PDB file of N, CA and C in Angstrom:
ATOM      1  N   UNK A   1      25.303 306.971  21.909  1.00  0.00           N
ATOM      2  CA  UNK A   1      25.059 305.710  22.603  1.00  0.00           C
ATOM      3  C   UNK A   1      26.085 305.575  23.713  1.00  0.00           C
ATOM      4  N   UNK A   2      25.626 305.314  24.913  1.00  0.00           N
ATOM      5  CA  UNK A   2      26.527 305.240  26.058  1.00  0.00           C
ATOM      6  C   UNK A   2      27.196 303.879  26.141  1.00  0.00           C
ATOM      7  N   UNK A   3      28.290 303.832  26.909  1.00  0.00           N
ATOM      8  CA  UNK A   3      29.043 302.594  27.088  1.00  0.00           C
ATOM      9  C   UNK A   3      28.227 301.541  27.832  1.00  0.00           C
ATOM     10  N   UNK A   4      27.475 301.968  28.861  1.00  0.00           N
ATOM     11  CA  UNK A   4      26.694 301.011  29.648  1.00  0.00           C
ATOM     12  C   UNK A   4      25.555 300.418  28.822  1.00  0.00           C
ATOM     13  N   UNK A   5      24.973 301.217  27.928  1.00  0.00           N
ATOM     14  CA  UNK A   5      23.916 300.723  27.057  1.00  0.00           C
ATOM     15  C   UNK A   5      24.462 299.679  26.090  1.00  0.00           C
ATOM     16  N   UNK A   6      25.664 299.915  25.552  1.00  0.00           N
ATOM     17  CA  UNK A   6      26.296 298.956  24.658  1.00  0.00           C
ATOM     18  C   UNK A   6      26.632 297.673  25.400  1.00  0.00           C
ATOM     19  N   UNK A   7      27.149 297.808  26.609  1.00  0.00           N
ATOM     20  CA  UNK A   7      27.482 296.628  27.396  1.00  0.00           C
ATOM     21  C   UNK A   7      26.247 295.808  27.714  1.00  0.00           C
ATOM     22  N   UNK A   8      25.144 296.465  28.005  1.00  0.00           N
ATOM     23  CA  UNK A   8      23.930 295.715  28.329  1.00  0.00           C
ATOM     24  C   UNK A   8      23.394 294.985  27.096  1.00  0.00           C
ATOM     25  N   UNK A   9      23.530 295.580  25.920  1.00  0.00           N
ATOM     26  CA  UNK A   9      23.096 294.905  24.699  1.00  0.00           C
ATOM     27  C   UNK A   9      23.981 293.698  24.419  1.00  0.00           C
ATOM     28  N   UNK A  10      25.272 293.864  24.577  1.00  0.00           N
ATOM     29  CA  UNK A  10      26.201 292.748  24.370  1.00  0.00           C
ATOM     30  C   UNK A  10      25.937 291.668  25.401  1.00  0.00           C
ATOM     31  N   UNK A  11      25.726 292.068  26.643  1.00  0.00           N
ATOM     32  CA  UNK A  11      25.437 291.101  27.707  1.00  0.00           C
ATOM     33  C   UNK A  11      24.134 290.365  27.436  1.00  0.00           C
ATOM     34  N   UNK A  12      23.116 291.067  26.975  1.00  0.00           N
ATOM     35  CA  UNK A  12      21.841 290.402  26.696  1.00  0.00           C
ATOM     36  C   UNK A  12      21.971 289.456  25.506  1.00  0.00           C
ATOM     37  N   UNK A  13      22.757 289.814  24.495  1.00  0.00           N
ATOM     38  CA  UNK A  13      22.993 288.911  23.372  1.00  0.00           C
ATOM     39  C   UNK A  13      23.745 287.668  23.839  1.00  0.00           C
ATOM     40  N   UNK A  14      24.739 287.847  24.689  1.00  0.00           N
ATOM     41  CA  UNK A  14      25.512 286.734  25.219  1.00  0.00           C
ATOM     42  C   UNK A  14      24.616 285.794  26.023  1.00  0.00           C
ATOM     43  N   UNK A  15      23.735 286.371  26.846  1.00  0.00           N
ATOM     44  CA  UNK A  15      22.823 285.555  27.649  1.00  0.00           C
ATOM     45  C   UNK A  15      21.865 284.763  26.763  1.00  0.00           C
ATOM     46  N   UNK A  16      21.400 285.390  25.654  1.00  0.00           N
ATOM     47  CA  UNK A  16      20.511 284.676  24.743  1.00  0.00           C
ATOM     48  C   UNK A  16      21.246 283.497  24.116  1.00  0.00           C
ATOM     49  N   UNK A  17      22.483 283.711  23.700  1.00  0.00           N
ATOM     50  CA  UNK A  17      23.264 282.634  23.085  1.00  0.00           C
ATOM     51  C   UNK A  17      23.491 281.510  24.090  1.00  0.00           C
ATOM     52  N   UNK A  18      23.766 281.864  25.351  1.00  0.00           N
ATOM     53  CA  UNK A  18      23.984 280.843  26.378  1.00  0.00           C
ATOM     54  C   UNK A  18      22.721 280.017  26.576  1.00  0.00           C
ATOM     55  N   UNK A  19      21.567 280.671  26.586  1.00  0.00           N
ATOM     56  CA  UNK A  19      20.300 279.969  26.810  1.00  0.00           C
ATOM     57  C   UNK A  19      19.833 279.175  25.589  1.00  0.00           C
ATOM     58  N   UNK A  20      20.226 279.603  24.388  1.00  0.00           N
ATOM     59  CA  UNK A  20      19.741 278.982  23.146  1.00  0.00           C
ATOM     60  C   UNK A  20      20.918 278.583  22.253  1.00  0.00           C
ATOM     61  N   UNK A  21      21.795 277.749  22.774  1.00  0.00           N
ATOM     62  CA  UNK A  21      23.000 277.369  22.027  1.00  0.00           C
ATOM     63  C   UNK A  21      22.674 276.674  20.707  1.00  0.00           C
ATOM     64  N   UNK A  22      21.754 275.724  20.734  1.00  0.00           N
ATOM     65  CA  UNK A  22      21.444 274.983  19.511  1.00  0.00           C
ATOM     66  C   UNK A  22      20.792 275.872  18.459  1.00  0.00           C
ATOM     67  N   UNK A  23      19.940 276.770  18.885  1.00  0.00           N
ATOM     68  CA  UNK A  23      19.335 277.704  17.927  1.00  0.00           C
ATOM     69  C   UNK A  23      20.392 278.617  17.330  1.00  0.00           C
ATOM     70  N   UNK A  24      21.332 279.057  18.151  1.00  0.00           N
ATOM     71  CA  UNK A  24      22.390 279.937  17.652  1.00  0.00           C
ATOM     72  C   UNK A  24      23.261 279.205  16.640  1.00  0.00           C
ATOM     73  N   UNK A  25      23.637 277.970  16.941  1.00  0.00           N
ATOM     74  CA  UNK A  25      24.466 277.200  16.016  1.00  0.00           C
ATOM     75  C   UNK A  25      23.684 276.903  14.731  1.00  0.00           C
ATOM     76  N   UNK A  26      22.416 276.518  14.869  1.00  0.00           N
ATOM     77  CA  UNK A  26      21.594 276.247  13.690  1.00  0.00           C
ATOM     78  C   UNK A  26      21.388 277.477  12.824  1.00  0.00           C
ATOM     79  N   UNK A  27      21.175 278.619  13.451  1.00  0.00           N
ATOM     80  CA  UNK A  27      21.008 279.859  12.696  1.00  0.00           C
ATOM     81  C   UNK A  27      22.286 280.238  11.973  1.00  0.00           C
ATOM     82  N   UNK A  28      23.407 280.051  12.644  1.00  0.00           N
ATOM     83  CA  UNK A  28      24.691 280.349  12.012  1.00  0.00           C
ATOM     84  C   UNK A  28      24.921 279.419  10.829  1.00  0.00           C
ATOM     85  N   UNK A  29      24.578 278.142  10.981  1.00  0.00           N
ATOM     86  CA  UNK A  29      24.744 277.182   9.896  1.00  0.00           C
ATOM     87  C   UNK A  29      23.872 277.566   8.704  1.00  0.00           C
ATOM     88  N   UNK A  30      22.613 277.885   8.979  1.00  0.00           N
ATOM     89  CA  UNK A  30      21.692 278.242   7.899  1.00  0.00           C
ATOM     90  C   UNK A  30      22.134 279.511   7.179  1.00  0.00           C
ATOM     91  N   UNK A  31      22.525 280.519   7.933  1.00  0.00           N
ATOM     92  CA  UNK A  31      22.986 281.752   7.287  1.00  0.00           C
ATOM     93  C   UNK A  31      24.300 281.524   6.545  1.00  0.00           C
ATOM     94  N   UNK A  32      25.147 280.647   7.071  1.00  0.00           N
ATOM     95  CA  UNK A  32      26.408 280.332   6.391  1.00  0.00           C
ATOM     96  C   UNK A  32      26.176 279.635   5.076  1.00  0.00           C
ATOM     97  N   UNK A  33      25.251 278.685   5.056  1.00  0.00           N
ATOM     98  CA  UNK A  33      24.973 277.977   3.801  1.00  0.00           C
ATOM     99  C   UNK A  33      24.319 278.918   2.794  1.00  0.00           C
ATOM    100  N   UNK A  34      23.400 279.774   3.262  1.00  0.00           N
ATOM    101  CA  UNK A  34      22.746 280.726   2.354  1.00  0.00           C
ATOM    102  C   UNK A  34      23.754 281.718   1.784  1.00  0.00           C
ATOM    103  N   UNK A  35      24.623 282.236   2.638  1.00  0.00           N
ATOM    104  CA  UNK A  35      25.642 283.175   2.169  1.00  0.00           C
ATOM    105  C   UNK A  35      26.633 282.530   1.217  1.00  0.00           C
ATOM    106  N   UNK A  36      27.015 281.310   1.506  1.00  0.00           N
ATOM    107  CA  UNK A  36      27.962 280.614   0.644  1.00  0.00           C
ATOM    108  C   UNK A  36      27.348 280.290  -0.716  1.00  0.00           C
ATOM    109  N   UNK A  37      26.080 279.864  -0.702  1.00  0.00           N
ATOM    110  CA  UNK A  37      25.406 279.598  -1.982  1.00  0.00           C
ATOM    111  C   UNK A  37      25.302 280.892  -2.796  1.00  0.00           C
ATOM    112  N   UNK A  38      24.937 281.986  -2.129  1.00  0.00           N
ATOM    113  CA  UNK A  38      24.837 283.269  -2.832  1.00  0.00           C
ATOM    114  C   UNK A  38      26.193 283.683  -3.408  1.00  0.00           C
ATOM    115  N   UNK A  39      27.254 283.487  -2.649  1.00  0.00           N
ATOM    116  CA  UNK A  39      28.593 283.842  -3.136  1.00  0.00           C
ATOM    117  C   UNK A  39      28.996 282.945  -4.306  1.00  0.00           C
ATOM    118  N   UNK A  40      28.779 281.635  -4.144  1.00  0.00           N
ATOM    119  CA  UNK A  40      29.192 280.701  -5.199  1.00  0.00           C
ATOM    120  C   UNK A  40      28.385 280.880  -6.475  1.00  0.00           C
ATOM    121  N   UNK A  41      27.116 281.296  -6.360  1.00  0.00           N
ATOM    122  CA  UNK A  41      26.308 281.519  -7.550  1.00  0.00           C
ATOM    123  C   UNK A  41      26.801 282.738  -8.337  1.00  0.00           C
ATOM    124  N   UNK A  42      27.486 283.641  -7.671  1.00  0.00           N
ATOM    125  CA  UNK A  42      28.011 284.814  -8.378  1.00  0.00           C
ATOM    126  C   UNK A  42      29.321 284.499  -9.109  1.00  0.00           C
ATOM    127  N   UNK A  43      29.910 283.344  -8.858  1.00  0.00           N
ATOM    128  CA  UNK A  43      31.146 282.936  -9.524  1.00  0.00           C
ATOM    129  C   UNK A  43      30.798 282.226 -10.835  1.00  0.00           C
ATOM    130  N   UNK A  44      31.249 282.767 -11.955  1.00  0.00           N
ATOM    131  CA  UNK A  44      30.908 282.135 -13.241  1.00  0.00           C
ATOM    132  C   UNK A  44      31.767 280.884 -13.495  1.00  0.00           C
ATOM    133  N   UNK A  45      31.214 279.988 -14.295  1.00  0.00           N
ATOM    134  CA  UNK A  45      31.970 278.835 -14.746  1.00  0.00           C
ATOM    135  C   UNK A  45      32.072 277.696 -13.747  1.00  0.00           C
ATOM    136  N   UNK A  46      31.216 277.653 -12.744  1.00  0.00           N
ATOM    137  CA  UNK A  46      31.232 276.577 -11.760  1.00  0.00           C
ATOM    138  C   UNK A  46      29.996 275.709 -11.952  1.00  0.00           C
ATOM    139  N   UNK A  47      30.177 274.408 -11.827  1.00  0.00           N
ATOM    140  CA  UNK A  47      29.032 273.512 -11.889  1.00  0.00           C
ATOM    141  C   UNK A  47      28.172 273.685 -10.638  1.00  0.00           C
ATOM    142  N   UNK A  48      26.896 273.374 -10.766  1.00  0.00           N
ATOM    143  CA  UNK A  48      25.978 273.494  -9.635  1.00  0.00           C
ATOM    144  C   UNK A  48      26.391 272.569  -8.490  1.00  0.00           C
ATOM    145  N   UNK A  49      26.822 271.356  -8.811  1.00  0.00           N
ATOM    146  CA  UNK A  49      27.229 270.418  -7.758  1.00  0.00           C
ATOM    147  C   UNK A  49      28.436 270.934  -6.984  1.00  0.00           C
ATOM    148  N   UNK A  50      29.368 271.577  -7.675  1.00  0.00           N
ATOM    149  CA  UNK A  50      30.549 272.141  -7.007  1.00  0.00           C
ATOM    150  C   UNK A  50      30.137 273.308  -6.109  1.00  0.00           C
ATOM    151  N   UNK A  51      29.195 274.113  -6.573  1.00  0.00           N
ATOM    152  CA  UNK A  51      28.695 275.228  -5.752  1.00  0.00           C
ATOM    153  C   UNK A  51      28.069 274.720  -4.461  1.00  0.00           C
ATOM    154  N   UNK A  52      27.280 273.660  -4.567  1.00  0.00           N
ATOM    155  CA  UNK A  52      26.617 273.103  -3.385  1.00  0.00           C
ATOM    156  C   UNK A  52      27.635 272.486  -2.432  1.00  0.00           C
ATOM    157  N   UNK A  53      28.622 271.796  -2.985  1.00  0.00           N
ATOM    158  CA  UNK A  53      29.676 271.203  -2.146  1.00  0.00           C
ATOM    159  C   UNK A  53      30.455 272.291  -1.415  1.00  0.00           C
ATOM    160  N   UNK A  54      30.797 273.374  -2.108  1.00  0.00           N
ATOM    161  CA  UNK A  54      31.512 274.486  -1.460  1.00  0.00           C
ATOM    162  C   UNK A  54      30.661 275.112  -0.362  1.00  0.00           C
ATOM    163  N   UNK A  55      29.374 275.275  -0.631  1.00  0.00           N
ATOM    164  CA  UNK A  55      28.483 275.861   0.375  1.00  0.00           C
ATOM    165  C   UNK A  55      28.419 274.967   1.612  1.00  0.00           C
ATOM    166  N   UNK A  56      28.350 273.655   1.411  1.00  0.00           N
ATOM    167  CA  UNK A  56      28.296 272.724   2.542  1.00  0.00           C
ATOM    168  C   UNK A  56      29.593 272.771   3.344  1.00  0.00           C
ATOM    169  N   UNK A  57      30.716 272.842   2.661  1.00  0.00           N
ATOM    170  CA  UNK A  57      32.007 272.914   3.364  1.00  0.00           C
ATOM    171  C   UNK A  57      32.131 274.202   4.173  1.00  0.00           C
ATOM    172  N   UNK A  58      31.702 275.310   3.592  1.00  0.00           N
ATOM    173  CA  UNK A  58      31.736 276.579   4.328  1.00  0.00           C
ATOM    174  C   UNK A  58      30.830 276.526   5.547  1.00  0.00           C
ATOM    175  N   UNK A  59      29.641 275.956   5.380  1.00  0.00           N
ATOM    176  CA  UNK A  59      28.705 275.855   6.498  1.00  0.00           C
ATOM    177  C   UNK A  59      29.251 274.927   7.581  1.00  0.00           C
ATOM    178  N   UNK A  60      29.933 273.860   7.195  1.00  0.00           N
ATOM    179  CA  UNK A  60      30.541 272.966   8.187  1.00  0.00           C
ATOM    180  C   UNK A  60      31.605 273.692   8.999  1.00  0.00           C
ATOM    181  N   UNK A  61      32.421 274.480   8.320  1.00  0.00           N
ATOM    182  CA  UNK A  61      33.463 275.241   9.025  1.00  0.00           C
ATOM    183  C   UNK A  61      32.837 276.234   9.991  1.00  0.00           C
ATOM    184  N   UNK A  62      31.780 276.918   9.567  1.00  0.00           N
ATOM    185  CA  UNK A  62      31.089 277.854  10.455  1.00  0.00           C
ATOM    186  C   UNK A  62      30.467 277.132  11.645  1.00  0.00           C
ATOM    187  N   UNK A  63      29.913 275.954  11.414  1.00  0.00           N
ATOM    188  CA  UNK A  63      29.303 275.189  12.494  1.00  0.00           C
ATOM    189  C   UNK A  63      30.347 274.752  13.510  1.00  0.00           C
ATOM    190  N   UNK A  64      31.491 274.281  13.039  1.00  0.00           N
ATOM    191  CA  UNK A  64      32.562 273.904  13.959  1.00  0.00           C
ATOM    192  C   UNK A  64      33.030 275.105  14.779  1.00  0.00           C
ATOM    193  N   UNK A  65      33.142 276.264  14.130  1.00  0.00           N
ATOM    194  CA  UNK A  65      33.532 277.472  14.859  1.00  0.00           C
ATOM    195  C   UNK A  65      32.472 277.849  15.897  1.00  0.00           C
ATOM    196  N   UNK A  66      31.195 277.729  15.536  1.00  0.00           N
ATOM    197  CA  UNK A  66      30.114 278.050  16.477  1.00  0.00           C
ATOM    198  C   UNK A  66      30.100 277.076  17.648  1.00  0.00           C
ATOM    199  N   UNK A  67      30.317 275.788  17.378  1.00  0.00           N
ATOM    200  CA  UNK A  67      30.365 274.805  18.454  1.00  0.00           C
ATOM    201  C   UNK A  67      31.562 275.052  19.375  1.00  0.00           C
ATOM    202  N   UNK A  68      32.688 275.419  18.793  1.00  0.00           N
ATOM    203  CA  UNK A  68      33.859 275.745  19.615  1.00  0.00           C
ATOM    204  C   UNK A  68      33.567 276.973  20.474  1.00  0.00           C
ATOM    205  N   UNK A  69      32.902 277.968  19.887  1.00  0.00           N
ATOM    206  CA  UNK A  69      32.529 279.151  20.661  1.00  0.00           C
ATOM    207  C   UNK A  69      31.561 278.819  21.781  1.00  0.00           C
ATOM    208  N   UNK A  70      30.595 277.947  21.510  1.00  0.00           N
ATOM    209  CA  UNK A  70      29.653 277.525  22.549  1.00  0.00           C
ATOM    210  C   UNK A  70      30.374 276.768  23.660  1.00  0.00           C
ATOM    211  N   UNK A  71      31.370 275.968  23.286  1.00  0.00           N
ATOM    212  CA  UNK A  71      32.147 275.241  24.294  1.00  0.00           C
ATOM    213  C   UNK A  71      32.942 276.204  25.170  1.00  0.00           C
ATOM    214  N   UNK A  72      33.491 277.253  24.571  1.00  0.00           N
ATOM    215  CA  UNK A  72      34.237 278.254  25.341  1.00  0.00           C
ATOM    216  C   UNK A  72      33.299 278.977  26.302  1.00  0.00           C
ATOM    217  N   UNK A  73      32.109 279.343  25.839  1.00  0.00           N
ATOM    218  CA  UNK A  73      31.134 280.009  26.706  1.00  0.00           C
ATOM    219  C   UNK A  73      30.728 279.092  27.848  1.00  0.00           C
ATOM    220  N   UNK A  74      30.495 277.814  27.538  1.00  0.00           N
ATOM    221  CA  UNK A  74      30.118 276.843  28.564  1.00  0.00           C
ATOM    222  C   UNK A  74      31.236 276.684  29.594  1.00  0.00           C
ATOM    223  N   UNK A  75      32.466 276.610  29.126  1.00  0.00           N
ATOM    224  CA  UNK A  75      33.619 276.479  30.019  1.00  0.00           C
ATOM    225  C   UNK A  75      33.737 277.721  30.918  1.00  0.00           C
ATOM    226  N   UNK A  76      33.566 278.899  30.329  1.00  0.00           N
ATOM    227  CA  UNK A  76      33.643 280.142  31.094  1.00  0.00           C
ATOM    228  C   UNK A  76      32.542 280.187  32.157  1.00  0.00           C
ATOM    229  N   UNK A  77      31.318 279.793  31.772  1.00  0.00           N
ATOM    230  CA  UNK A  77      30.207 279.780  32.732  1.00  0.00           C
ATOM    231  C   UNK A  77      30.472 278.793  33.859  1.00  0.00           C
ATOM    232  N   UNK A  78      31.044 277.650  33.514  1.00  0.00           N
ATOM    233  CA  UNK A  78      31.344 276.637  34.533  1.00  0.00           C
ATOM    234  C   UNK A  78      32.417 277.135  35.496  1.00  0.00           C
ATOM    235  N   UNK A  79      33.450 277.780  34.952  1.00  0.00           N
ATOM    236  CA  UNK A  79      34.541 278.279  35.795  1.00  0.00           C
ATOM    237  C   UNK A  79      34.123 279.466  36.658  1.00  0.00           C
ATOM    238  N   UNK A  80      33.282 280.329  36.113  1.00  0.00           N
ATOM    239  CA  UNK A  80      32.903 281.541  36.850  1.00  0.00           C
ATOM    240  C   UNK A  80      31.781 281.285  37.851  1.00  0.00           C
ATOM    241  N   UNK A  81      31.103 280.158  37.739  1.00  0.00           N
ATOM    242  CA  UNK A  81      30.031 279.835  38.677  1.00  0.00           C
ATOM    243  C   UNK A  81      28.688 280.408  38.291  1.00  0.00           C
ATOM    244  N   UNK A  82      28.590 281.097  37.167  1.00  0.00           N
ATOM    245  CA  UNK A  82      27.306 281.683  36.778  1.00  0.00           C
ATOM    246  C   UNK A  82      26.297 280.613  36.399  1.00  0.00           C
ATOM    247  N   UNK A  83      26.769 279.470  35.921  1.00  0.00           N
ATOM    248  CA  UNK A  83      25.845 278.401  35.572  1.00  0.00           C
ATOM    249  C   UNK A  83      25.165 277.847  36.814  1.00  0.00           C
ATOM    250  N   UNK A  84      25.941 277.650  37.886  1.00  0.00           N
ATOM    251  CA  UNK A  84      25.338 277.133  39.120  1.00  0.00           C
ATOM    252  C   UNK A  84      24.366 278.142  39.709  1.00  0.00           C
ATOM    253  N   UNK A  85      24.663 279.432  39.566  1.00  0.00           N
ATOM    254  CA  UNK A  85      23.738 280.461  40.049  1.00  0.00           C
ATOM    255  C   UNK A  85      22.444 280.453  39.235  1.00  0.00           C
ATOM    256  N   UNK A  86      22.567 280.193  37.938  1.00  0.00           N
ATOM    257  CA  UNK A  86      21.398 280.197  37.063  1.00  0.00           C
ATOM    258  C   UNK A  86      20.461 279.043  37.402  1.00  0.00           C
ATOM    259  N   UNK A  87      21.005 277.876  37.768  1.00  0.00           N
ATOM    260  CA  UNK A  87      20.182 276.716  38.070  1.00  0.00           C
ATOM    261  C   UNK A  87      19.791 276.633  39.536  1.00  0.00           C
ATOM    262  N   UNK A  88      20.402 277.428  40.401  1.00  0.00           N
ATOM    263  CA  UNK A  88      20.108 277.378  41.832  1.00  0.00           C
ATOM    264  C   UNK A  88      18.658 277.730  42.131  1.00  0.00           C
ATOM    265  N   UNK A  89      18.054 278.586  41.322  1.00  0.00           N
ATOM    266  CA  UNK A  89      16.668 278.983  41.581  1.00  0.00           C
ATOM    267  C   UNK A  89      15.681 277.842  41.354  1.00  0.00           C
ATOM    268  N   UNK A  90      16.086 276.800  40.632  1.00  0.00           N
ATOM    269  CA  UNK A  90      15.207 275.666  40.383  1.00  0.00           C
ATOM    270  C   UNK A  90      15.371 274.549  41.411  1.00  0.00           C
ATOM    271  N   UNK A  91      16.409 274.617  42.231  1.00  0.00           N
ATOM    272  CA  UNK A  91      16.686 273.573  43.209  1.00  0.00           C
ATOM    273  C   UNK A  91      16.083 273.937  44.559  1.00  0.00           C
ATOM    274  N   UNK A  92      15.605 272.944  45.300  1.00  0.00           N
ATOM    275  CA  UNK A  92      15.070 273.251  46.639  1.00  0.00           C
ATOM    276  C   UNK A  92      16.222 273.638  47.570  1.00  0.00           C
ATOM    277  N   UNK A  93      15.941 274.460  48.562  1.00  0.00           N
ATOM    278  CA  UNK A  93      17.004 274.848  49.500  1.00  0.00           C
ATOM    279  C   UNK A  93      17.506 273.633  50.277  1.00  0.00           C
ATOM    280  N   UNK A  94      18.775 273.643  50.575  1.00  0.00           N
ATOM    281  CA  UNK A  94      19.382 272.540  51.317  1.00  0.00           C
ATOM    282  C   UNK A  94      19.182 272.776  52.802  1.00  0.00           C
ATOM    283  N   UNK A  95      18.609 271.797  53.481  1.00  0.00           N
ATOM    284  CA  UNK A  95      18.396 271.866  54.920  1.00  0.00           C
ATOM    285  C   UNK A  95      19.504 271.048  55.575  1.00  0.00           C
ATOM    286  N   UNK A  96      20.365 271.713  56.322  1.00  0.00           N
ATOM    287  CA  UNK A  96      21.517 271.021  56.905  1.00  0.00           C
ATOM    288  C   UNK A  96      21.105 269.980  57.929  1.00  0.00           C
ATOM    289  N   UNK A  97      20.001 270.191  58.667  1.00  0.00           N
ATOM    290  CA  UNK A  97      19.569 269.198  59.651  1.00  0.00           C
ATOM    291  C   UNK A  97      19.098 267.924  58.955  1.00  0.00           C
ATOM    292  N   UNK A  98      18.483 268.070  57.765  1.00  0.00           N
ATOM    293  CA  UNK A  98      18.022 266.910  57.003  1.00  0.00           C
ATOM    294  C   UNK A  98      19.207 266.082  56.518  1.00  0.00           C
ATOM    295  N   UNK A  99      20.239 266.748  56.025  1.00  0.00           N
ATOM    296  CA  UNK A  99      21.372 266.007  55.475  1.00  0.00           C
ATOM    297  C   UNK A  99      22.151 265.284  56.572  1.00  0.00           C
ATOM    298  N   UNK A 100      22.184 265.818  57.808  1.00  0.00           N
ATOM    299  CA  UNK A 100      22.894 265.150  58.882  1.00  0.00           C
ATOM    300  C   UNK A 100      22.090 263.991  59.470  1.00  0.00           C
ATOM    301  N   UNK A 101      20.774 264.144  59.527  1.00  0.00           N
ATOM    302  CA  UNK A 101      19.973 263.104  60.147  1.00  0.00           C
ATOM    303  C   UNK A 101      19.741 261.915  59.209  1.00  0.00           C
ATOM    304  N   UNK A 102      19.900 262.104  57.919  1.00  0.00           N
ATOM    305  CA  UNK A 102      19.712 261.035  56.949  1.00  0.00           C
ATOM    306  C   UNK A 102      21.036 260.726  56.237  1.00  0.00           C
ATOM    307  N   UNK A 103      21.949 260.250  56.985  1.00  0.00           N
ATOM    308  CA  UNK A 103      23.269 259.939  56.458  1.00  0.00           C
ATOM    309  C   UNK A 103      23.228 258.635  55.669  1.00  0.00           C
ATOM    310  N   UNK A 104      24.093 258.527  54.677  1.00  0.00           N
ATOM    311  CA  UNK A 104      24.168 257.316  53.863  1.00  0.00           C
ATOM    312  C   UNK A 104      25.145 256.304  54.446  1.00  0.00           C
ATOM    313  N   UNK A 105      25.634 256.529  55.641  1.00  0.00           N
ATOM    314  CA  UNK A 105      26.599 255.622  56.256  1.00  0.00           C
ATOM    315  C   UNK A 105      25.934 254.418  56.899  1.00  0.00           C
ATOM    316  N   UNK A 106      24.624 254.424  57.032  1.00  0.00           N
ATOM    317  CA  UNK A 106      23.903 253.338  57.717  1.00  0.00           C
ATOM    318  C   UNK A 106      24.033 252.022  57.032  1.00  0.00           C
TER     319      UNK A 106
END
């Protein structure tokens, strides 16, 4: 496997996460709760309510980490200008003659 192929896969995964932040956080939460329940069920001598509480706490920690990661990605996109480039294709082109002739100073 070449380095450029690996980079493109990582880049495509990063782009998917940027475009689908809520799905990524929700998926992480769901997998975290499922994994935590599976782990806690393998521990003998624990009440079911304690297992569920532990699973919820683990999932909350994973969700906070995912939200922090999404915030870092958002901050990086904002600083690097890639977010403005991504939305520029949806905006109409700016006509400089229009902006000068229709001033808000009137």
